[in-house]
Amino acid sequence: MKMELNAKDELIRLTHKLIQQRRLEFLVDTRWHDELPKAGGVYAIWEKQTREAVAVYVGETCCLEHRFADLDHTRNHPFLGKAAEYLELSRGDEHLKPQISQSYCISYLELDFGRKELEEYLVLRWKPKFNKTPGRLKFNTHYGWLTDNNHCASNDQQ
């Protein structure tokens, strides 16, 4: 039996699934991440104050609970450095975590296979302001169809 997978359709399906996931408050206390799964997945950090859903950071991990625990330590996660810079605070500022908690929420999608592909697709499609485009993708044509009119590479959250 031959199994075919249309990567483009699967990436779009997973994108919609991630968008529909429940948005969680984070950094609200020291145990906020304890209820998260130890499974792998892709996650998005969203701005709270916008009418439209805008992802500001997308990441992937082999263990959601441990990766989110990194957010408690300001030196361990690239999002915190970018957010601190954007909020004009230092990484060590006592107001950083409360400000981030007030400004952003997080959602995730458990995913055992294809995490890196989904993360790359979302970074190229949404262009989250706190992600950088991986160098190997800047001149790569793997996702050339993203430039089609139907698949605009903007933060349109489709």
C-alpha atoms as a PDB file:
ATOM      1  CA  MET A   1       0.000   0.000   0.000  1.00  0.00           C
ATOM      2  CA  LYS A   2       1.464   3.298  -1.087  1.00  0.00           C
ATOM      3  CA  MET A   3       0.859   6.262   1.218  1.00  0.00           C
ATOM      4  CA  GLU A   4       1.112   9.714  -0.291  1.00  0.00           C
ATOM      5  CA  LEU A   5       1.481  12.895   1.671  1.00  0.00           C
ATOM      6  CA  ASN A   6       0.934  16.284   0.156  1.00  0.00           C
ATOM      7  CA  ALA A   7       3.346  18.390   2.216  1.00  0.00           C
ATOM      8  CA  LYS A   8       1.755  21.685   1.226  1.00  0.00           C
ATOM      9  CA  ASP A   9      -1.734  20.588   2.274  1.00  0.00           C
ATOM     10  CA  GLU A  10      -0.426  19.072   5.503  1.00  0.00           C
ATOM     11  CA  LEU A  11       1.445  22.272   6.452  1.00  0.00           C
ATOM     12  CA  ILE A  12      -1.695  24.319   5.819  1.00  0.00           C
ATOM     13  CA  ARG A  13      -3.807  21.862   7.862  1.00  0.00           C
ATOM     14  CA  LEU A  14      -1.362  21.987  10.782  1.00  0.00           C
ATOM     15  CA  THR A  15      -1.226  25.788  10.577  1.00  0.00           C
ATOM     16  CA  HIS A  16      -4.992  26.008  10.986  1.00  0.00           C
ATOM     17  CA  LYS A  17      -4.857  23.521  13.834  1.00  0.00           C
ATOM     18  CA  LEU A  18      -2.201  25.582  15.674  1.00  0.00           C
ATOM     19  CA  ILE A  19      -4.203  28.788  15.204  1.00  0.00           C
ATOM     20  CA  GLN A  20      -7.277  27.111  16.720  1.00  0.00           C
ATOM     21  CA  GLN A  21      -5.479  25.858  19.832  1.00  0.00           C
ATOM     22  CA  ARG A  22      -6.320  27.389  23.192  1.00  0.00           C
ATOM     23  CA  ARG A  23      -4.165  30.405  24.066  1.00  0.00           C
ATOM     24  CA  LEU A  24      -2.419  30.084  27.428  1.00  0.00           C
ATOM     25  CA  GLU A  25      -1.204  32.701  29.837  1.00  0.00           C
ATOM     26  CA  PHE A  26       2.456  32.222  30.616  1.00  0.00           C
ATOM     27  CA  LEU A  27       5.050  33.410  33.109  1.00  0.00           C
ATOM     28  CA  VAL A  28       2.231  34.022  35.598  1.00  0.00           C
ATOM     29  CA  ASP A  29       3.952  32.015  38.352  1.00  0.00           C
ATOM     30  CA  THR A  30       6.894  29.653  38.714  1.00  0.00           C
ATOM     31  CA  ARG A  31       4.838  26.496  38.045  1.00  0.00           C
ATOM     32  CA  TRP A  32       2.843  27.656  35.012  1.00  0.00           C
ATOM     33  CA  HIS A  33       4.465  25.116  32.668  1.00  0.00           C
ATOM     34  CA  ASP A  34       4.034  22.016  34.870  1.00  0.00           C
ATOM     35  CA  GLU A  35       0.772  20.970  33.232  1.00  0.00           C
ATOM     36  CA  LEU A  36       2.212  21.034  29.721  1.00  0.00           C
ATOM     37  CA  PRO A  37       2.985  17.781  27.934  1.00  0.00           C
ATOM     38  CA  LYS A  38       6.460  16.301  27.743  1.00  0.00           C
ATOM     39  CA  ALA A  39       5.739  15.669  24.060  1.00  0.00           C
ATOM     40  CA  GLY A  40       7.349  17.365  21.091  1.00  0.00           C
ATOM     41  CA  GLY A  41       5.558  20.105  19.239  1.00  0.00           C
ATOM     42  CA  VAL A  42       5.406  23.494  17.592  1.00  0.00           C
ATOM     43  CA  TYR A  43       4.378  26.610  19.480  1.00  0.00           C
ATOM     44  CA  ALA A  44       3.466  30.200  18.726  1.00  0.00           C
ATOM     45  CA  ILE A  45       3.651  33.250  20.958  1.00  0.00           C
ATOM     46  CA  TRP A  46       0.874  35.716  20.173  1.00  0.00           C
ATOM     47  CA  GLU A  47       0.332  39.413  20.845  1.00  0.00           C
ATOM     48  CA  LYS A  48      -2.651  39.945  23.132  1.00  0.00           C
ATOM     49  CA  GLN A  49      -3.409  43.586  22.380  1.00  0.00           C
ATOM     50  CA  THR A  50      -4.188  43.212  18.672  1.00  0.00           C
ATOM     51  CA  ARG A  51      -7.598  42.621  17.114  1.00  0.00           C
ATOM     52  CA  GLU A  52      -6.123  40.176  14.636  1.00  0.00           C
ATOM     53  CA  ALA A  53      -4.151  37.177  15.852  1.00  0.00           C
ATOM     54  CA  VAL A  54      -0.502  38.049  15.297  1.00  0.00           C
ATOM     55  CA  ALA A  55       2.226  35.536  16.059  1.00  0.00           C
ATOM     56  CA  VAL A  56       5.427  37.259  17.175  1.00  0.00           C
ATOM     57  CA  TYR A  57       7.491  34.085  17.645  1.00  0.00           C
ATOM     58  CA  VAL A  58       7.291  30.503  16.396  1.00  0.00           C
ATOM     59  CA  GLY A  59       9.380  27.624  17.718  1.00  0.00           C
ATOM     60  CA  GLU A  60       9.647  23.869  17.787  1.00  0.00           C
ATOM     61  CA  THR A  61      10.861  21.527  20.476  1.00  0.00           C
ATOM     62  CA  CYS A  62      11.169  17.864  21.363  1.00  0.00           C
ATOM     63  CA  CYS A  63       9.673  18.566  24.835  1.00  0.00           C
ATOM     64  CA  LEU A  64       7.111  21.328  25.263  1.00  0.00           C
ATOM     65  CA  GLU A  65       7.236  21.306  29.063  1.00  0.00           C
ATOM     66  CA  HIS A  66      11.016  21.724  29.196  1.00  0.00           C
ATOM     67  CA  ARG A  67      11.123  24.339  26.439  1.00  0.00           C
ATOM     68  CA  PHE A  68       8.453  26.420  28.123  1.00  0.00           C
ATOM     69  CA  ALA A  69      10.328  26.082  31.414  1.00  0.00           C
ATOM     70  CA  ASP A  70      13.207  27.845  29.602  1.00  0.00           C
ATOM     71  CA  LEU A  71      10.980  30.907  29.462  1.00  0.00           C
ATOM     72  CA  ASP A  72      11.327  31.199  33.243  1.00  0.00           C
ATOM     73  CA  HIS A  73      15.045  31.836  32.804  1.00  0.00           C
ATOM     74  CA  THR A  74      15.690  34.999  30.836  1.00  0.00           C
ATOM     75  CA  ARG A  75      18.993  33.797  29.369  1.00  0.00           C
ATOM     76  CA  ASN A  76      17.680  30.512  27.958  1.00  0.00           C
ATOM     77  CA  HIS A  77      15.140  31.494  25.306  1.00  0.00           C
ATOM     78  CA  PRO A  78      15.680  33.755  22.280  1.00  0.00           C
ATOM     79  CA  PHE A  79      12.127  35.101  22.530  1.00  0.00           C
ATOM     80  CA  LEU A  80      12.893  36.701  25.892  1.00  0.00           C
ATOM     81  CA  GLY A  81      15.872  38.605  24.535  1.00  0.00           C
ATOM     82  CA  LYS A  82      13.930  39.893  21.546  1.00  0.00           C
ATOM     83  CA  ALA A  83      10.916  40.799  23.695  1.00  0.00           C
ATOM     84  CA  ALA A  84      13.124  42.594  26.233  1.00  0.00           C
ATOM     85  CA  GLU A  85      14.702  44.620  23.437  1.00  0.00           C
ATOM     86  CA  TYR A  86      11.285  45.418  21.939  1.00  0.00           C
ATOM     87  CA  LEU A  87       9.885  46.434  25.359  1.00  0.00           C
ATOM     88  CA  GLU A  88      13.045  48.469  26.028  1.00  0.00           C
ATOM     89  CA  LEU A  89      13.888  46.452  29.139  1.00  0.00           C
ATOM     90  CA  SER A  90      16.992  44.488  30.049  1.00  0.00           C
ATOM     91  CA  ARG A  91      16.853  40.703  30.342  1.00  0.00           C
ATOM     92  CA  GLY A  92      17.432  41.022  34.075  1.00  0.00           C
ATOM     93  CA  ASP A  93      14.772  43.682  34.668  1.00  0.00           C
ATOM     94  CA  GLU A  94      12.236  42.600  37.303  1.00  0.00           C
ATOM     95  CA  HIS A  95       9.443  44.070  35.160  1.00  0.00           C
ATOM     96  CA  LEU A  96      10.256  41.922  32.113  1.00  0.00           C
ATOM     97  CA  LYS A  97       8.286  38.760  32.975  1.00  0.00           C
ATOM     98  CA  PRO A  98       5.160  40.620  34.181  1.00  0.00           C
ATOM     99  CA  GLN A  99       5.234  42.797  31.040  1.00  0.00           C
ATOM    100  CA  ILE A 100       5.631  39.762  28.785  1.00  0.00           C
ATOM    101  CA  SER A 101       2.842  37.933  30.621  1.00  0.00           C
ATOM    102  CA  GLN A 102       0.590  40.953  30.142  1.00  0.00           C
ATOM    103  CA  SER A 103       1.473  41.390  26.455  1.00  0.00           C
ATOM    104  CA  TYR A 104       1.687  37.854  25.068  1.00  0.00           C
ATOM    105  CA  CYS A 105       0.050  34.428  25.226  1.00  0.00           C
ATOM    106  CA  ILE A 106       1.157  31.074  23.893  1.00  0.00           C
ATOM    107  CA  SER A 107      -0.378  28.120  22.070  1.00  0.00           C
ATOM    108  CA  TYR A 108       1.101  24.816  21.018  1.00  0.00           C
ATOM    109  CA  LEU A 109       0.428  21.811  18.869  1.00  0.00           C
ATOM    110  CA  GLU A 110       1.765  18.410  19.889  1.00  0.00           C
ATOM    111  CA  LEU A 111       3.575  16.965  16.914  1.00  0.00           C
ATOM    112  CA  ASP A 112       5.894  13.959  16.785  1.00  0.00           C
ATOM    113  CA  PHE A 113       6.991  14.301  13.183  1.00  0.00           C
ATOM    114  CA  GLY A 114       7.529  17.306  10.916  1.00  0.00           C
ATOM    115  CA  ARG A 115       8.090  19.901  13.659  1.00  0.00           C
ATOM    116  CA  LYS A 116      11.026  21.594  11.922  1.00  0.00           C
ATOM    117  CA  GLU A 117       9.170  21.745   8.608  1.00  0.00           C
ATOM    118  CA  LEU A 118       6.111  23.339  10.209  1.00  0.00           C
ATOM    119  CA  GLU A 119       8.247  25.836  12.125  1.00  0.00           C
ATOM    120  CA  GLU A 120      10.140  26.841   8.956  1.00  0.00           C
ATOM    121  CA  TYR A 121       6.909  27.143   7.008  1.00  0.00           C
ATOM    122  CA  LEU A 122       5.338  29.386   9.661  1.00  0.00           C
ATOM    123  CA  VAL A 123       8.439  31.588   9.976  1.00  0.00           C
ATOM    124  CA  LEU A 124       8.518  32.088   6.210  1.00  0.00           C
ATOM    125  CA  ARG A 125       4.754  32.573   5.933  1.00  0.00           C
ATOM    126  CA  TRP A 126       4.063  34.777   8.953  1.00  0.00           C
ATOM    127  CA  LYS A 127       7.454  36.509   9.339  1.00  0.00           C
ATOM    128  CA  PRO A 128       7.083  36.815  13.139  1.00  0.00           C
ATOM    129  CA  LYS A 129       8.927  39.898  14.356  1.00  0.00           C
ATOM    130  CA  PHE A 130      10.968  38.010  16.973  1.00  0.00           C
ATOM    131  CA  ASN A 131      12.101  35.159  14.688  1.00  0.00           C
ATOM    132  CA  LYS A 132      14.906  35.410  12.235  1.00  0.00           C
ATOM    133  CA  THR A 133      14.698  33.574   8.936  1.00  0.00           C
ATOM    134  CA  PRO A 134      17.156  30.687   9.062  1.00  0.00           C
ATOM    135  CA  GLY A 135      20.060  31.401   6.724  1.00  0.00           C
ATOM    136  CA  ARG A 136      19.652  28.141   4.880  1.00  0.00           C
ATOM    137  CA  LEU A 137      16.103  29.145   3.888  1.00  0.00           C
ATOM    138  CA  LYS A 138      16.834  32.662   2.633  1.00  0.00           C
ATOM    139  CA  PHE A 139      17.915  31.458  -0.790  1.00  0.00           C
ATOM    140  CA  ASN A 140      16.209  28.093  -0.790  1.00  0.00           C
ATOM    141  CA  THR A 141      13.267  27.177  -2.997  1.00  0.00           C
ATOM    142  CA  HIS A 142      11.762  24.407  -0.838  1.00  0.00           C
ATOM    143  CA  TYR A 143       8.788  26.620  -0.042  1.00  0.00           C
ATOM    144  CA  GLY A 144       8.723  28.539  -3.323  1.00  0.00           C
ATOM    145  CA  TRP A 145       4.965  28.104  -3.506  1.00  0.00           C
ATOM    146  CA  LEU A 146       4.657  30.486  -0.529  1.00  0.00           C
ATOM    147  CA  THR A 147       5.127  33.368  -2.930  1.00  0.00           C
ATOM    148  CA  ASP A 148       2.031  32.345  -4.887  1.00  0.00           C
ATOM    149  CA  ASN A 149      -0.832  34.808  -4.591  1.00  0.00           C
ATOM    150  CA  ASN A 150      -2.831  32.173  -2.692  1.00  0.00           C
ATOM    151  CA  HIS A 151      -0.065  31.689  -0.146  1.00  0.00           C
ATOM    152  CA  CYS A 152       1.236  35.161   0.596  1.00  0.00           C
ATOM    153  CA  ALA A 153       4.218  35.135   2.980  1.00  0.00           C
ATOM    154  CA  SER A 154       2.798  37.696   5.386  1.00  0.00           C
ATOM    155  CA  ASN A 155       1.624  37.424   8.983  1.00  0.00           C
ATOM    156  CA  ASP A 156      -1.947  36.842   7.789  1.00  0.00           C
ATOM    157  CA  GLN A 157      -2.372  33.806  10.087  1.00  0.00           C
ATOM    158  CA  GLN A 158      -4.006  31.690   7.375  1.00  0.00           C
END
